[in-house]
Amino acid sequence: MKPSERIKPISYLKSHASEIIGSLAEEGQPLIITQNGDAKAVILDYDSYEQSRETLALLKILALGNKQIEESNVVRADQVIHHLRKRREPT
């Protein structure tokens, strides 16, 4: 389906809700809902939504890691491994 076909007015959503829900999972593409000609909402199937959330979480983790690197707030891997091994040793 062309991107322009993935944009529908809210009246279409109201009259075709069941059909829309069924097609979301099949196509895996979001549907943009307009109101008075302006984009107001995006509808996704649940799996696509979850995948987007997981991707966003990973991007946030990467950004945090990059920030820590820029601030020199890092510890070398061999130091961490040594510290963890020391903690596991019986006292």
Protein backbone atom coordinates (compact mmCIF):
# COMPACT_ATOMS: atom_id res chain seq x y z
CA MET A 1 0.00 0.00 0.00
CA LYS A 2 1.28 3.46 -0.91
CA PRO A 3 2.09 5.85 1.98
CA SER A 4 -0.69 8.17 0.84
CA GLU A 5 -3.16 5.30 1.30
CA ARG A 6 -2.06 4.98 4.94
CA ILE A 7 -3.64 8.35 5.79
CA LYS A 8 -7.34 8.31 6.63
CA PRO A 9 -9.82 10.75 8.17
CA ILE A 10 -11.28 10.04 11.58
CA SER A 11 -14.64 9.29 9.96
CA TYR A 12 -13.00 6.35 8.16
CA LEU A 13 -11.68 5.06 11.48
CA LYS A 14 -15.13 5.28 13.02
CA SER A 15 -16.82 3.34 10.24
CA HIS A 16 -14.06 0.79 9.54
CA ALA A 17 -12.50 0.12 12.97
CA SER A 18 -12.74 -3.66 12.79
CA GLU A 19 -11.30 -3.78 9.28
CA ILE A 20 -8.46 -1.43 10.27
CA ILE A 21 -7.51 -3.52 13.31
CA GLY A 22 -7.43 -6.63 11.14
CA SER A 23 -5.21 -5.07 8.49
CA LEU A 24 -2.72 -3.47 10.88
CA ALA A 25 -1.11 -6.76 11.90
CA GLU A 26 -1.13 -8.10 8.34
CA GLU A 27 0.54 -5.07 6.80
CA GLY A 28 2.73 -4.04 9.71
CA GLN A 29 2.37 -0.41 8.68
CA PRO A 30 0.97 2.41 10.81
CA LEU A 31 -2.20 4.24 9.88
CA ILE A 32 -2.28 8.02 10.23
CA ILE A 33 -5.61 9.47 11.31
CA THR A 34 -6.50 13.02 10.36
CA GLN A 35 -9.05 15.41 11.80
CA ASN A 36 -10.02 18.47 9.79
CA GLY A 37 -7.13 17.68 7.42
CA ASP A 38 -4.44 17.65 10.13
CA ALA A 39 -2.62 14.52 11.27
CA LYS A 40 -3.80 13.80 14.84
CA ALA A 41 -3.00 10.16 15.63
CA VAL A 42 -1.04 7.13 14.52
CA ILE A 43 -2.44 3.62 14.93
CA LEU A 44 -0.08 0.63 15.09
CA ASP A 45 -0.53 -3.05 15.65
CA TYR A 46 0.65 -4.14 19.08
CA ASP A 47 3.76 -6.01 17.90
CA SER A 48 4.99 -2.99 15.95
CA TYR A 49 4.33 -0.79 18.97
CA GLU A 50 6.34 -3.08 21.25
CA GLN A 51 9.19 -3.26 18.73
CA SER A 52 9.26 0.54 18.53
CA ARG A 53 9.38 0.80 22.33
CA GLU A 54 12.25 -1.70 22.54
CA THR A 55 14.15 0.15 19.83
CA LEU A 56 13.65 3.45 21.63
CA ALA A 57 14.87 1.93 24.90
CA LEU A 58 18.03 0.63 23.21
CA LEU A 59 18.67 4.02 21.63
CA LYS A 60 18.35 5.68 25.04
CA ILE A 61 20.86 3.20 26.52
CA LEU A 62 23.29 3.92 23.66
CA ALA A 63 22.89 7.67 24.14
CA LEU A 64 23.56 7.31 27.86
CA GLY A 65 26.65 5.22 27.12
CA ASN A 66 27.94 7.81 24.65
CA LYS A 67 27.37 10.57 27.19
CA GLN A 68 29.31 8.63 29.83
CA ILE A 69 32.16 8.10 27.36
CA GLU A 70 32.25 11.82 26.52
CA GLU A 71 32.35 12.65 30.24
CA SER A 72 35.13 10.06 30.78
CA ASN A 73 32.85 8.30 33.25
CA VAL A 74 33.97 4.81 32.22
CA VAL A 75 35.82 1.86 33.74
CA ARG A 76 37.96 -0.50 31.71
CA ALA A 77 36.46 -3.95 31.14
CA ASP A 78 39.40 -5.79 32.72
CA GLN A 79 38.96 -3.73 35.90
CA VAL A 80 35.27 -4.58 36.08
CA ILE A 81 35.95 -8.28 35.51
CA HIS A 82 38.64 -8.27 38.22
CA HIS A 83 36.26 -6.54 40.64
CA LEU A 84 33.45 -9.02 39.91
CA ARG A 85 35.76 -12.00 40.39
CA LYS A 86 36.94 -10.62 43.73
CA ARG A 87 33.33 -10.29 44.87
CA ARG A 88 32.62 -13.92 43.99
CA GLU A 89 35.56 -15.26 46.02
CA PRO A 90 34.56 -16.76 49.36
CA THR A 91 35.65 -14.67 52.32
